[in-house]
Amino acid sequence: MTQEATKLKLGISIGDLNGIGCEVALKTFEDSRMLDFCTPVIFASTKTISFQKTALQMDVNYHGVQQAADVLEGKINIVNIWKDTPPIEFGQPSRESGAYAIKSLKAAVEALKNREIDVLVTAPINKNNIQAEDFNFPGHTDFLARELEGESLMFMVTDNLKIGLLTDHVAVKDVAALITPELVRKKVAIVMKSLMMDFGIRKPRIALLGINPHSGDNGVIGKEDDEVLKPVIRKMQDEGLLVFGPYPADSFFGSGTHKGFDAVLAAYHDQGLIPFKTLAFGKGVNYTAGLSRVRTSPDHGTAYEIAGKGKADHSSFKEAVFTALQIYRNREEYLELTANPLQKQKRKR
């Protein structure tokens, strides 16, 4: 059977077992119509999924396999990557729940690298309890950057709003020193390529937000905007790139200025994610741009406060599924259109 005739295999790392990751994943595929779009492959164990299903009183059927290569189309597939029964205490972060989250993530990423799955959606993890001798990353993005080819960038996306970050999981006190002309150029290049390849935008327009309040007020509130951002933006414009800014962050979204751009690059984590989650919470997707493979995630965390109560909204996880599938297809089309252009022109004559 050809690639076109088969549904894409969508891998799912299960996230923190004591959070809402399993719930939002199962709720997404509790609707059997979702199986018309892809073949879900959850990396956990049938025992763990059975416990979650019973505790959450969900009507979900699944098929257990020992490896991702054995999944069945038209089924929710559970790859058994552990045989024991991990303790699950909803709402209680623990070293055990973090360790199993990482087991799931590592197995899913390995399957992604080996092309046993086509795309990956990661359920939320807790950045504290995942830390271990063999896993000392602040989150998914940094781990994926090591495991997959390319330069990673946290890209929060909806159909109408896309926000990337110059710096992500770093302390605010370190932000200004980390933002250099080289970093700005690298991040702009990743966003440009992603907008063209992953989202089908031919001539992307990108806005950069200022580092300091009011973009420094001409040096009165910090000199980084004048000394770092403005010169590199001018140079990129001279090269024909549609890059603009720096814009004062406090009024940028409230005034609707963001609507004139295909993407926005924020200087640091909260500068970008606060407006994104305010405008798009529940509909947004965390996409790791710049890598050789496609990974998305919902725009929320483990939500321990509602874990195990059946109250979790799976809208963002569902959006992450559809976004991953669409990006995969957009990439396939982009690669086809840009491969051997001279040969294609000859065939058209």
C-alpha atoms as a PDB file:
ATOM      1  CA  MET A   1       0.000   0.000   0.000  1.00  0.00           C
ATOM      2  CA  THR A   2       1.382   3.448  -0.913  1.00  0.00           C
ATOM      3  CA  GLN A   3       2.099   6.254   1.536  1.00  0.00           C
ATOM      4  CA  GLU A   4      -0.816   8.233   0.053  1.00  0.00           C
ATOM      5  CA  ALA A   5      -3.239   5.380   0.625  1.00  0.00           C
ATOM      6  CA  THR A   6      -2.407   4.978   4.312  1.00  0.00           C
ATOM      7  CA  LYS A   7      -3.299   7.242   7.201  1.00  0.00           C
ATOM      8  CA  LEU A   8      -0.469   9.066   8.911  1.00  0.00           C
ATOM      9  CA  LYS A   9       0.757   7.469  12.121  1.00  0.00           C
ATOM     10  CA  LEU A  10       0.449   9.982  14.930  1.00  0.00           C
ATOM     11  CA  GLY A  11       2.617   9.214  17.941  1.00  0.00           C
ATOM     12  CA  ILE A  12       1.604  10.411  21.402  1.00  0.00           C
ATOM     13  CA  SER A  13       3.867  10.648  24.447  1.00  0.00           C
ATOM     14  CA  ILE A  14       1.589  10.363  27.453  1.00  0.00           C
ATOM     15  CA  GLY A  15       3.029  13.097  29.678  1.00  0.00           C
ATOM     16  CA  ASP A  16       2.821  13.183  33.465  1.00  0.00           C
ATOM     17  CA  LEU A  17       0.625  10.270  34.583  1.00  0.00           C
ATOM     18  CA  ASN A  18      -0.731  12.293  37.506  1.00  0.00           C
ATOM     19  CA  GLY A  19      -1.787  15.176  35.251  1.00  0.00           C
ATOM     20  CA  ILE A  20      -4.368  15.509  32.473  1.00  0.00           C
ATOM     21  CA  GLY A  21      -2.224  14.286  29.570  1.00  0.00           C
ATOM     22  CA  CYS A  22      -3.780  10.866  29.286  1.00  0.00           C
ATOM     23  CA  GLU A  23      -7.264  12.302  29.719  1.00  0.00           C
ATOM     24  CA  VAL A  24      -7.009  14.829  26.886  1.00  0.00           C
ATOM     25  CA  ALA A  25      -5.418  12.256  24.572  1.00  0.00           C
ATOM     26  CA  LEU A  26      -8.141   9.673  25.221  1.00  0.00           C
ATOM     27  CA  LYS A  27     -10.906  12.270  24.976  1.00  0.00           C
ATOM     28  CA  THR A  28      -9.579  13.318  21.588  1.00  0.00           C
ATOM     29  CA  PHE A  29      -9.834   9.813  20.197  1.00  0.00           C
ATOM     30  CA  GLU A  30     -12.939   8.811  22.130  1.00  0.00           C
ATOM     31  CA  ASP A  31     -14.638  10.314  19.076  1.00  0.00           C
ATOM     32  CA  SER A  32     -14.133   7.474  16.583  1.00  0.00           C
ATOM     33  CA  ARG A  33     -14.328   9.925  13.676  1.00  0.00           C
ATOM     34  CA  MET A  34     -10.800  11.052  14.581  1.00  0.00           C
ATOM     35  CA  LEU A  35      -9.566   7.685  13.303  1.00  0.00           C
ATOM     36  CA  ASP A  36     -10.548   8.822   9.802  1.00  0.00           C
ATOM     37  CA  PHE A  37      -7.688  11.334   9.925  1.00  0.00           C
ATOM     38  CA  CYS A  38      -4.807   9.351  11.411  1.00  0.00           C
ATOM     39  CA  THR A  39      -3.717   6.235  13.267  1.00  0.00           C
ATOM     40  CA  PRO A  40      -2.913   7.158  16.907  1.00  0.00           C
ATOM     41  CA  VAL A  41       0.034   5.429  18.569  1.00  0.00           C
ATOM     42  CA  ILE A  42       0.251   6.030  22.339  1.00  0.00           C
ATOM     43  CA  PHE A  43       3.528   5.169  24.084  1.00  0.00           C
ATOM     44  CA  ALA A  44       2.628   3.865  27.553  1.00  0.00           C
ATOM     45  CA  SER A  45       1.128   0.492  28.511  1.00  0.00           C
ATOM     46  CA  THR A  46      -2.303  -1.094  28.257  1.00  0.00           C
ATOM     47  CA  LYS A  47      -2.427  -1.423  32.054  1.00  0.00           C
ATOM     48  CA  THR A  48      -1.828   2.291  32.504  1.00  0.00           C
ATOM     49  CA  ILE A  49      -4.403   3.223  29.880  1.00  0.00           C
ATOM     50  CA  SER A  50      -6.915   0.797  31.384  1.00  0.00           C
ATOM     51  CA  PHE A  51      -6.507   2.418  34.807  1.00  0.00           C
ATOM     52  CA  GLN A  52      -6.974   5.903  33.352  1.00  0.00           C
ATOM     53  CA  LYS A  53      -9.967   4.799  31.272  1.00  0.00           C
ATOM     54  CA  THR A  54     -11.696   3.288  34.305  1.00  0.00           C
ATOM     55  CA  ALA A  55     -10.871   6.179  36.636  1.00  0.00           C
ATOM     56  CA  LEU A  56     -12.166   8.720  34.118  1.00  0.00           C
ATOM     57  CA  GLN A  57     -15.180   6.584  33.131  1.00  0.00           C
ATOM     58  CA  MET A  58     -14.385   6.785  29.444  1.00  0.00           C
ATOM     59  CA  ASP A  59     -15.631   4.605  26.613  1.00  0.00           C
ATOM     60  CA  VAL A  60     -12.474   3.945  24.633  1.00  0.00           C
ATOM     61  CA  ASN A  61     -11.328   0.772  22.893  1.00  0.00           C
ATOM     62  CA  TYR A  62      -7.656   0.239  22.104  1.00  0.00           C
ATOM     63  CA  HIS A  63      -5.215  -2.279  20.678  1.00  0.00           C
ATOM     64  CA  GLY A  64      -1.998  -3.205  22.499  1.00  0.00           C
ATOM     65  CA  VAL A  65       1.246  -3.815  20.585  1.00  0.00           C
ATOM     66  CA  GLN A  66       4.830  -4.427  21.601  1.00  0.00           C
ATOM     67  CA  GLN A  67       6.398  -2.079  19.061  1.00  0.00           C
ATOM     68  CA  ALA A  68       5.307   0.806  16.883  1.00  0.00           C
ATOM     69  CA  ALA A  69       5.939  -1.172  13.706  1.00  0.00           C
ATOM     70  CA  ASP A  70       3.014  -3.463  14.595  1.00  0.00           C
ATOM     71  CA  VAL A  71       0.226  -0.862  14.876  1.00  0.00           C
ATOM     72  CA  LEU A  72      -3.126  -1.401  13.197  1.00  0.00           C
ATOM     73  CA  GLU A  73      -4.865   1.258  11.131  1.00  0.00           C
ATOM     74  CA  GLY A  74      -8.322   2.201  12.359  1.00  0.00           C
ATOM     75  CA  LYS A  75      -7.419   1.457  15.992  1.00  0.00           C
ATOM     76  CA  ILE A  76      -6.095   3.372  18.977  1.00  0.00           C
ATOM     77  CA  ASN A  77      -2.751   1.630  19.414  1.00  0.00           C
ATOM     78  CA  ILE A  78      -0.938   1.393  22.747  1.00  0.00           C
ATOM     79  CA  VAL A  79       2.763   0.547  22.525  1.00  0.00           C
ATOM     80  CA  ASN A  80       3.691  -1.294  25.727  1.00  0.00           C
ATOM     81  CA  ILE A  81       6.970   0.287  26.791  1.00  0.00           C
ATOM     82  CA  TRP A  82       6.749  -0.761  30.443  1.00  0.00           C
ATOM     83  CA  LYS A  83       5.433  -3.940  32.053  1.00  0.00           C
ATOM     84  CA  ASP A  84       5.037  -2.768  35.632  1.00  0.00           C
ATOM     85  CA  THR A  85       2.069  -0.841  36.985  1.00  0.00           C
ATOM     86  CA  PRO A  86       3.197   2.664  37.951  1.00  0.00           C
ATOM     87  CA  PRO A  87       1.429   4.309  40.906  1.00  0.00           C
ATOM     88  CA  ILE A  88      -1.027   6.983  39.779  1.00  0.00           C
ATOM     89  CA  GLU A  89      -2.103   9.684  42.215  1.00  0.00           C
ATOM     90  CA  PHE A  90      -3.992  12.322  40.280  1.00  0.00           C
ATOM     91  CA  GLY A  91      -2.951  15.860  41.087  1.00  0.00           C
ATOM     92  CA  GLN A  92       0.234  14.844  42.902  1.00  0.00           C
ATOM     93  CA  PRO A  93       3.510  15.479  41.070  1.00  0.00           C
ATOM     94  CA  SER A  94       6.067  12.796  41.876  1.00  0.00           C
ATOM     95  CA  ARG A  95       9.434  11.537  40.729  1.00  0.00           C
ATOM     96  CA  GLU A  96       7.739   8.358  39.538  1.00  0.00           C
ATOM     97  CA  SER A  97       5.210  10.147  37.347  1.00  0.00           C
ATOM     98  CA  GLY A  98       8.013  12.259  35.891  1.00  0.00           C
ATOM     99  CA  ALA A  99      10.158   9.199  35.185  1.00  0.00           C
ATOM    100  CA  TYR A 100       7.357   7.446  33.284  1.00  0.00           C
ATOM    101  CA  ALA A 101       6.648  10.623  31.315  1.00  0.00           C
ATOM    102  CA  ILE A 102      10.254  10.582  30.127  1.00  0.00           C
ATOM    103  CA  LYS A 103      10.115   6.852  29.303  1.00  0.00           C
ATOM    104  CA  SER A 104       7.138   7.579  27.091  1.00  0.00           C
ATOM    105  CA  LEU A 105       8.798  10.605  25.488  1.00  0.00           C
ATOM    106  CA  LYS A 106      12.075   8.802  24.750  1.00  0.00           C
ATOM    107  CA  ALA A 107      10.280   5.837  23.173  1.00  0.00           C
ATOM    108  CA  ALA A 108       8.093   8.109  21.056  1.00  0.00           C
ATOM    109  CA  VAL A 109      11.040  10.203  19.852  1.00  0.00           C
ATOM    110  CA  GLU A 110      12.983   7.074  18.972  1.00  0.00           C
ATOM    111  CA  ALA A 111      10.026   5.846  16.915  1.00  0.00           C
ATOM    112  CA  LEU A 112       9.844   9.261  15.244  1.00  0.00           C
ATOM    113  CA  LYS A 113      13.542   9.136  14.361  1.00  0.00           C
ATOM    114  CA  ASN A 114      13.131   5.625  12.954  1.00  0.00           C
ATOM    115  CA  ARG A 115      10.065   6.747  10.935  1.00  0.00           C
ATOM    116  CA  GLU A 116       7.818   4.225  12.664  1.00  0.00           C
ATOM    117  CA  ILE A 117       5.509   7.178  13.286  1.00  0.00           C
ATOM    118  CA  ASP A 118       5.086  10.218  11.048  1.00  0.00           C
ATOM    119  CA  VAL A 119       4.441  12.984  13.588  1.00  0.00           C
ATOM    120  CA  LEU A 120       4.512  13.378  17.365  1.00  0.00           C
ATOM    121  CA  VAL A 121       2.127  15.072  19.792  1.00  0.00           C
ATOM    122  CA  THR A 122       3.463  15.384  23.336  1.00  0.00           C
ATOM    123  CA  ALA A 123       1.167  15.571  26.359  1.00  0.00           C
ATOM    124  CA  PRO A 124       2.242  17.974  29.138  1.00  0.00           C
ATOM    125  CA  ILE A 125       5.121  17.203  31.487  1.00  0.00           C
ATOM    126  CA  ASN A 126       6.255  18.800  34.746  1.00  0.00           C
ATOM    127  CA  LYS A 127       9.618  20.500  34.265  1.00  0.00           C
ATOM    128  CA  ASN A 128      10.635  19.790  37.869  1.00  0.00           C
ATOM    129  CA  ASN A 129       9.915  16.095  38.311  1.00  0.00           C
ATOM    130  CA  ILE A 130      11.375  15.058  34.928  1.00  0.00           C
ATOM    131  CA  GLN A 131      14.893  16.006  36.007  1.00  0.00           C
ATOM    132  CA  ALA A 132      17.232  13.028  36.304  1.00  0.00           C
ATOM    133  CA  GLU A 133      20.823  12.037  35.607  1.00  0.00           C
ATOM    134  CA  ASP A 134      19.921  10.972  32.059  1.00  0.00           C
ATOM    135  CA  PHE A 135      17.444  13.825  31.468  1.00  0.00           C
ATOM    136  CA  ASN A 136      18.479  17.329  32.499  1.00  0.00           C
ATOM    137  CA  PHE A 137      16.541  19.412  29.993  1.00  0.00           C
ATOM    138  CA  PRO A 138      14.144  22.240  30.964  1.00  0.00           C
ATOM    139  CA  GLY A 139      11.474  20.847  28.666  1.00  0.00           C
ATOM    140  CA  HIS A 140      10.479  19.099  25.452  1.00  0.00           C
ATOM    141  CA  THR A 141      11.994  21.654  23.088  1.00  0.00           C
ATOM    142  CA  ASP A 142      15.570  21.361  24.321  1.00  0.00           C
ATOM    143  CA  PHE A 143      15.451  17.552  24.346  1.00  0.00           C
ATOM    144  CA  LEU A 144      14.038  17.430  20.823  1.00  0.00           C
ATOM    145  CA  ALA A 145      16.688  19.872  19.612  1.00  0.00           C
ATOM    146  CA  ARG A 146      19.331  17.360  20.655  1.00  0.00           C
ATOM    147  CA  GLU A 147      17.576  14.299  19.288  1.00  0.00           C
ATOM    148  CA  LEU A 148      16.347  15.650  15.945  1.00  0.00           C
ATOM    149  CA  GLU A 149      18.256  17.450  13.188  1.00  0.00           C
ATOM    150  CA  GLY A 150      17.878  21.196  12.857  1.00  0.00           C
ATOM    151  CA  GLU A 151      17.658  24.356  14.996  1.00  0.00           C
ATOM    152  CA  SER A 152      14.633  24.353  17.307  1.00  0.00           C
ATOM    153  CA  LEU A 153      12.298  27.238  18.051  1.00  0.00           C
ATOM    154  CA  MET A 154       9.233  27.314  20.301  1.00  0.00           C
ATOM    155  CA  PHE A 155       6.447  28.479  17.972  1.00  0.00           C
ATOM    156  CA  MET A 156       2.990  29.045  19.450  1.00  0.00           C
ATOM    157  CA  VAL A 157       0.472  28.880  16.610  1.00  0.00           C
ATOM    158  CA  THR A 158      -3.177  29.175  15.640  1.00  0.00           C
ATOM    159  CA  ASP A 159      -4.638  29.836  12.202  1.00  0.00           C
ATOM    160  CA  ASN A 160      -4.446  33.596  12.787  1.00  0.00           C
ATOM    161  CA  LEU A 161      -1.699  34.087  15.367  1.00  0.00           C
ATOM    162  CA  LYS A 162       1.872  32.783  15.426  1.00  0.00           C
ATOM    163  CA  ILE A 163       4.394  33.795  18.079  1.00  0.00           C
ATOM    164  CA  GLY A 164       7.991  32.590  18.287  1.00  0.00           C
ATOM    165  CA  LEU A 165      10.556  33.253  21.011  1.00  0.00           C
ATOM    166  CA  LEU A 166      14.096  34.587  20.799  1.00  0.00           C
ATOM    167  CA  THR A 167      14.725  33.026  24.243  1.00  0.00           C
ATOM    168  CA  ASP A 168      12.462  30.484  25.898  1.00  0.00           C
ATOM    169  CA  HIS A 169      13.091  28.692  29.191  1.00  0.00           C
ATOM    170  CA  VAL A 170      15.711  31.030  30.636  1.00  0.00           C
ATOM    171  CA  ALA A 171      15.647  33.363  33.626  1.00  0.00           C
ATOM    172  CA  VAL A 172      14.467  36.906  32.850  1.00  0.00           C
ATOM    173  CA  LYS A 173      17.721  38.321  34.266  1.00  0.00           C
ATOM    174  CA  ASP A 174      19.660  36.506  31.511  1.00  0.00           C
ATOM    175  CA  VAL A 175      17.470  37.492  28.555  1.00  0.00           C
ATOM    176  CA  ALA A 176      19.189  40.704  27.401  1.00  0.00           C
ATOM    177  CA  ALA A 177      22.670  39.166  27.400  1.00  0.00           C
ATOM    178  CA  LEU A 178      21.502  36.179  25.359  1.00  0.00           C
ATOM    179  CA  ILE A 179      19.924  38.241  22.569  1.00  0.00           C
ATOM    180  CA  THR A 180      22.654  38.918  20.015  1.00  0.00           C
ATOM    181  CA  PRO A 181      22.481  39.856  16.310  1.00  0.00           C
ATOM    182  CA  GLU A 182      23.467  36.281  15.485  1.00  0.00           C
ATOM    183  CA  LEU A 183      20.632  34.849  17.587  1.00  0.00           C
ATOM    184  CA  VAL A 184      18.098  37.237  16.027  1.00  0.00           C
ATOM    185  CA  ARG A 185      19.176  36.265  12.519  1.00  0.00           C
ATOM    186  CA  LYS A 186      19.031  32.567  13.372  1.00  0.00           C
ATOM    187  CA  LYS A 187      15.550  32.756  14.888  1.00  0.00           C
ATOM    188  CA  VAL A 188      14.201  34.916  12.049  1.00  0.00           C
ATOM    189  CA  ALA A 189      15.563  32.395   9.536  1.00  0.00           C
ATOM    190  CA  ILE A 190      13.839  29.511  11.352  1.00  0.00           C
ATOM    191  CA  VAL A 191      10.525  31.385  11.452  1.00  0.00           C
ATOM    192  CA  MET A 192      10.811  32.394   7.782  1.00  0.00           C
ATOM    193  CA  LYS A 193      11.482  28.849   6.664  1.00  0.00           C
ATOM    194  CA  SER A 194       8.735  27.416   8.871  1.00  0.00           C
ATOM    195  CA  LEU A 195       6.157  29.902   7.599  1.00  0.00           C
ATOM    196  CA  MET A 196       6.995  28.984   4.014  1.00  0.00           C
ATOM    197  CA  MET A 197       7.487  25.240   4.403  1.00  0.00           C
ATOM    198  CA  ASP A 198       5.100  24.369   7.234  1.00  0.00           C
ATOM    199  CA  PHE A 199       2.315  26.916   6.726  1.00  0.00           C
ATOM    200  CA  GLY A 200       2.437  27.675   3.002  1.00  0.00           C
ATOM    201  CA  ILE A 201       3.105  31.433   3.316  1.00  0.00           C
ATOM    202  CA  ARG A 202       5.130  32.617   0.297  1.00  0.00           C
ATOM    203  CA  LYS A 203       6.429  36.002   1.510  1.00  0.00           C
ATOM    204  CA  PRO A 204       6.311  36.056   5.309  1.00  0.00           C
ATOM    205  CA  ARG A 205       6.124  39.328   7.244  1.00  0.00           C
ATOM    206  CA  ILE A 206       7.679  39.105  10.704  1.00  0.00           C
ATOM    207  CA  ALA A 207       7.480  41.580  13.604  1.00  0.00           C
ATOM    208  CA  LEU A 208      10.020  41.710  16.445  1.00  0.00           C
ATOM    209  CA  LEU A 209       8.998  42.921  19.890  1.00  0.00           C
ATOM    210  CA  GLY A 210      11.348  45.170  21.838  1.00  0.00           C
ATOM    211  CA  ILE A 211      13.435  43.809  24.678  1.00  0.00           C
ATOM    212  CA  ASN A 212      12.786  46.706  27.076  1.00  0.00           C
ATOM    213  CA  PRO A 213       9.600  48.610  27.983  1.00  0.00           C
ATOM    214  CA  HIS A 214       8.673  50.970  25.096  1.00  0.00           C
ATOM    215  CA  SER A 215      11.550  49.363  23.141  1.00  0.00           C
ATOM    216  CA  GLY A 216      13.941  51.297  25.359  1.00  0.00           C
ATOM    217  CA  ASP A 217      12.525  54.796  24.693  1.00  0.00           C
ATOM    218  CA  ASN A 218      15.603  55.718  22.608  1.00  0.00           C
ATOM    219  CA  GLY A 219      17.994  54.445  25.263  1.00  0.00           C
ATOM    220  CA  VAL A 220      16.272  55.920  28.314  1.00  0.00           C
ATOM    221  CA  ILE A 221      15.083  52.445  29.454  1.00  0.00           C
ATOM    222  CA  GLY A 222      17.949  50.242  28.338  1.00  0.00           C
ATOM    223  CA  LYS A 223      20.123  50.342  25.220  1.00  0.00           C
ATOM    224  CA  GLU A 224      19.636  46.788  23.908  1.00  0.00           C
ATOM    225  CA  ASP A 225      16.895  47.697  21.444  1.00  0.00           C
ATOM    226  CA  ASP A 226      18.958  50.498  19.890  1.00  0.00           C
ATOM    227  CA  GLU A 227      22.260  48.631  19.942  1.00  0.00           C
ATOM    228  CA  VAL A 228      21.148  45.096  19.054  1.00  0.00           C
ATOM    229  CA  LEU A 229      17.669  44.853  17.527  1.00  0.00           C
ATOM    230  CA  LYS A 230      17.433  48.002  15.376  1.00  0.00           C
ATOM    231  CA  PRO A 231      20.764  47.527  13.525  1.00  0.00           C
ATOM    232  CA  VAL A 232      20.161  43.846  12.713  1.00  0.00           C
ATOM    233  CA  ILE A 233      16.588  44.548  11.606  1.00  0.00           C
ATOM    234  CA  ARG A 234      17.853  47.282   9.231  1.00  0.00           C
ATOM    235  CA  LYS A 235      20.448  44.897   7.786  1.00  0.00           C
ATOM    236  CA  MET A 236      17.829  42.191   7.197  1.00  0.00           C
ATOM    237  CA  GLN A 237      15.564  44.746   5.518  1.00  0.00           C
ATOM    238  CA  ASP A 238      18.457  45.802   3.259  1.00  0.00           C
ATOM    239  CA  GLU A 239      18.696  42.136   2.253  1.00  0.00           C
ATOM    240  CA  GLY A 240      15.056  42.149   1.194  1.00  0.00           C
ATOM    241  CA  LEU A 241      13.576  40.392   4.208  1.00  0.00           C
ATOM    242  CA  LEU A 242      10.189  41.566   5.439  1.00  0.00           C
ATOM    243  CA  VAL A 243      11.238  41.990   9.077  1.00  0.00           C
ATOM    244  CA  PHE A 244      10.003  44.950  11.122  1.00  0.00           C
ATOM    245  CA  GLY A 245      10.358  46.428  14.602  1.00  0.00           C
ATOM    246  CA  PRO A 246      11.207  46.522  17.380  1.00  0.00           C
ATOM    247  CA  TYR A 247       7.663  47.230  18.540  1.00  0.00           C
ATOM    248  CA  PRO A 248       6.741  48.114  22.146  1.00  0.00           C
ATOM    249  CA  ALA A 249       5.241  44.900  23.513  1.00  0.00           C
ATOM    250  CA  ASP A 250       2.705  46.503  25.845  1.00  0.00           C
ATOM    251  CA  SER A 251       0.483  47.924  23.081  1.00  0.00           C
ATOM    252  CA  PHE A 252       1.325  45.619  20.185  1.00  0.00           C
ATOM    253  CA  PHE A 253      -1.474  43.101  20.639  1.00  0.00           C
ATOM    254  CA  GLY A 254      -4.103  45.330  22.213  1.00  0.00           C
ATOM    255  CA  SER A 255      -3.892  47.717  19.252  1.00  0.00           C
ATOM    256  CA  GLY A 256      -4.280  44.857  16.776  1.00  0.00           C
ATOM    257  CA  THR A 257      -0.885  45.585  15.193  1.00  0.00           C
ATOM    258  CA  HIS A 258      -0.107  41.858  15.204  1.00  0.00           C
ATOM    259  CA  LYS A 259      -2.803  41.301  12.582  1.00  0.00           C
ATOM    260  CA  GLY A 260      -0.568  42.857   9.938  1.00  0.00           C
ATOM    261  CA  PHE A 261       2.091  40.154  10.294  1.00  0.00           C
ATOM    262  CA  ASP A 262       2.383  36.444   9.616  1.00  0.00           C
ATOM    263  CA  ALA A 263       4.410  35.881  12.788  1.00  0.00           C
ATOM    264  CA  VAL A 264       5.761  37.718  15.807  1.00  0.00           C
ATOM    265  CA  LEU A 265       9.101  37.114  17.528  1.00  0.00           C
ATOM    266  CA  ALA A 266       9.004  37.919  21.242  1.00  0.00           C
ATOM    267  CA  ALA A 267      12.174  38.586  23.219  1.00  0.00           C
ATOM    268  CA  TYR A 268      11.399  36.185  26.048  1.00  0.00           C
ATOM    269  CA  HIS A 269       8.940  33.537  27.246  1.00  0.00           C
ATOM    270  CA  ASP A 270       6.236  35.506  29.050  1.00  0.00           C
ATOM    271  CA  GLN A 271       6.366  38.443  26.633  1.00  0.00           C
ATOM    272  CA  GLY A 272       5.131  36.061  23.949  1.00  0.00           C
ATOM    273  CA  LEU A 273       3.097  33.493  25.832  1.00  0.00           C
ATOM    274  CA  ILE A 274       0.983  35.818  27.968  1.00  0.00           C
ATOM    275  CA  PRO A 275      -0.658  37.493  24.961  1.00  0.00           C
ATOM    276  CA  PHE A 276      -0.822  34.212  23.066  1.00  0.00           C
ATOM    277  CA  LYS A 277      -2.624  32.364  25.828  1.00  0.00           C
ATOM    278  CA  THR A 278      -4.858  35.351  26.512  1.00  0.00           C
ATOM    279  CA  LEU A 279      -5.978  35.515  22.898  1.00  0.00           C
ATOM    280  CA  ALA A 280      -5.923  31.817  21.987  1.00  0.00           C
ATOM    281  CA  PHE A 281      -6.023  29.629  25.105  1.00  0.00           C
ATOM    282  CA  GLY A 282      -7.623  26.293  24.345  1.00  0.00           C
ATOM    283  CA  LYS A 283      -7.208  26.778  20.605  1.00  0.00           C
ATOM    284  CA  GLY A 284      -3.445  27.251  20.503  1.00  0.00           C
ATOM    285  CA  VAL A 285      -0.706  24.762  19.729  1.00  0.00           C
ATOM    286  CA  ASN A 286       2.931  24.641  20.799  1.00  0.00           C
ATOM    287  CA  TYR A 287       4.913  23.677  17.692  1.00  0.00           C
ATOM    288  CA  THR A 288       8.663  23.010  17.677  1.00  0.00           C
ATOM    289  CA  ALA A 289       9.732  24.652  14.424  1.00  0.00           C
ATOM    290  CA  GLY A 290      13.067  24.165  12.700  1.00  0.00           C
ATOM    291  CA  LEU A 291      13.463  20.412  13.235  1.00  0.00           C
ATOM    292  CA  SER A 292      13.623  17.583  10.721  1.00  0.00           C
ATOM    293  CA  ARG A 293      10.450  15.999  12.138  1.00  0.00           C
ATOM    294  CA  VAL A 294       7.087  17.378  13.244  1.00  0.00           C
ATOM    295  CA  ARG A 295       6.193  17.752  16.925  1.00  0.00           C
ATOM    296  CA  THR A 296       3.280  19.639  18.444  1.00  0.00           C
ATOM    297  CA  SER A 297       1.794  19.929  21.921  1.00  0.00           C
ATOM    298  CA  PRO A 298      -1.266  21.520  23.556  1.00  0.00           C
ATOM    299  CA  ASP A 299      -0.853  25.046  24.890  1.00  0.00           C
ATOM    300  CA  HIS A 300      -1.440  24.088  28.548  1.00  0.00           C
ATOM    301  CA  GLY A 301       0.366  22.257  31.321  1.00  0.00           C
ATOM    302  CA  THR A 302      -0.333  19.261  33.539  1.00  0.00           C
ATOM    303  CA  ALA A 303      -3.291  20.979  35.278  1.00  0.00           C
ATOM    304  CA  TYR A 304      -2.897  18.934  38.462  1.00  0.00           C
ATOM    305  CA  GLU A 305      -5.771  20.811  40.086  1.00  0.00           C
ATOM    306  CA  ILE A 306      -8.341  19.093  37.810  1.00  0.00           C
ATOM    307  CA  ALA A 307      -6.503  15.836  37.077  1.00  0.00           C
ATOM    308  CA  GLY A 308      -8.597  12.705  37.472  1.00  0.00           C
ATOM    309  CA  LYS A 309     -11.878  14.635  37.662  1.00  0.00           C
ATOM    310  CA  GLY A 310     -12.874  14.290  34.018  1.00  0.00           C
ATOM    311  CA  LYS A 311     -13.011  18.083  33.636  1.00  0.00           C
ATOM    312  CA  ALA A 312     -10.073  18.593  31.278  1.00  0.00           C
ATOM    313  CA  ASP A 313     -10.809  20.374  27.993  1.00  0.00           C
ATOM    314  CA  HIS A 314      -9.177  18.467  25.137  1.00  0.00           C
ATOM    315  CA  SER A 315      -9.643  21.229  22.522  1.00  0.00           C
ATOM    316  CA  SER A 316      -5.979  22.242  22.444  1.00  0.00           C
ATOM    317  CA  PHE A 317      -4.776  18.638  22.241  1.00  0.00           C
ATOM    318  CA  LYS A 318      -7.158  18.041  19.336  1.00  0.00           C
ATOM    319  CA  GLU A 319      -5.814  21.175  17.641  1.00  0.00           C
ATOM    320  CA  ALA A 320      -2.278  19.856  18.187  1.00  0.00           C
ATOM    321  CA  VAL A 321      -3.258  16.653  16.372  1.00  0.00           C
ATOM    322  CA  PHE A 322      -4.711  18.463  13.366  1.00  0.00           C
ATOM    323  CA  THR A 323      -1.821  20.950  13.255  1.00  0.00           C
ATOM    324  CA  ALA A 324       0.772  18.164  13.227  1.00  0.00           C
ATOM    325  CA  LEU A 325      -1.006  16.374  10.402  1.00  0.00           C
ATOM    326  CA  GLN A 326      -1.394  19.566   8.356  1.00  0.00           C
ATOM    327  CA  ILE A 327       2.233  20.609   8.813  1.00  0.00           C
ATOM    328  CA  TYR A 328       3.387  17.153   7.693  1.00  0.00           C
ATOM    329  CA  ARG A 329       1.318  17.434   4.505  1.00  0.00           C
ATOM    330  CA  ASN A 330       2.436  21.029   3.910  1.00  0.00           C
ATOM    331  CA  ARG A 331       6.065  19.926   4.186  1.00  0.00           C
ATOM    332  CA  GLU A 332       5.517  17.090   1.747  1.00  0.00           C
ATOM    333  CA  GLU A 333       3.979  19.499  -0.746  1.00  0.00           C
ATOM    334  CA  TYR A 334       6.732  22.088  -0.228  1.00  0.00           C
ATOM    335  CA  LEU A 335       9.473  19.527  -0.751  1.00  0.00           C
ATOM    336  CA  GLU A 336       7.781  18.242  -3.871  1.00  0.00           C
ATOM    337  CA  LEU A 337       7.379  21.744  -5.316  1.00  0.00           C
ATOM    338  CA  THR A 338      10.960  22.779  -4.554  1.00  0.00           C
ATOM    339  CA  ALA A 339      12.730  19.552  -5.563  1.00  0.00           C
ATOM    340  CA  ASN A 340      14.593  19.668  -8.910  1.00  0.00           C
ATOM    341  CA  PRO A 341      12.821  22.799 -10.205  1.00  0.00           C
ATOM    342  CA  LEU A 342      14.818  22.772 -13.479  1.00  0.00           C
ATOM    343  CA  GLN A 343      13.669  19.235 -14.268  1.00  0.00           C
ATOM    344  CA  LYS A 344      10.056  20.241 -13.603  1.00  0.00           C
ATOM    345  CA  GLN A 345      10.377  23.194 -15.999  1.00  0.00           C
ATOM    346  CA  LYS A 346      11.747  20.923 -18.688  1.00  0.00           C
ATOM    347  CA  ARG A 347       8.810  18.520 -18.280  1.00  0.00           C
ATOM    348  CA  LYS A 348       6.330  21.406 -18.629  1.00  0.00           C
ATOM    349  CA  ARG A 349       7.739  22.480 -22.022  1.00  0.00           C
END
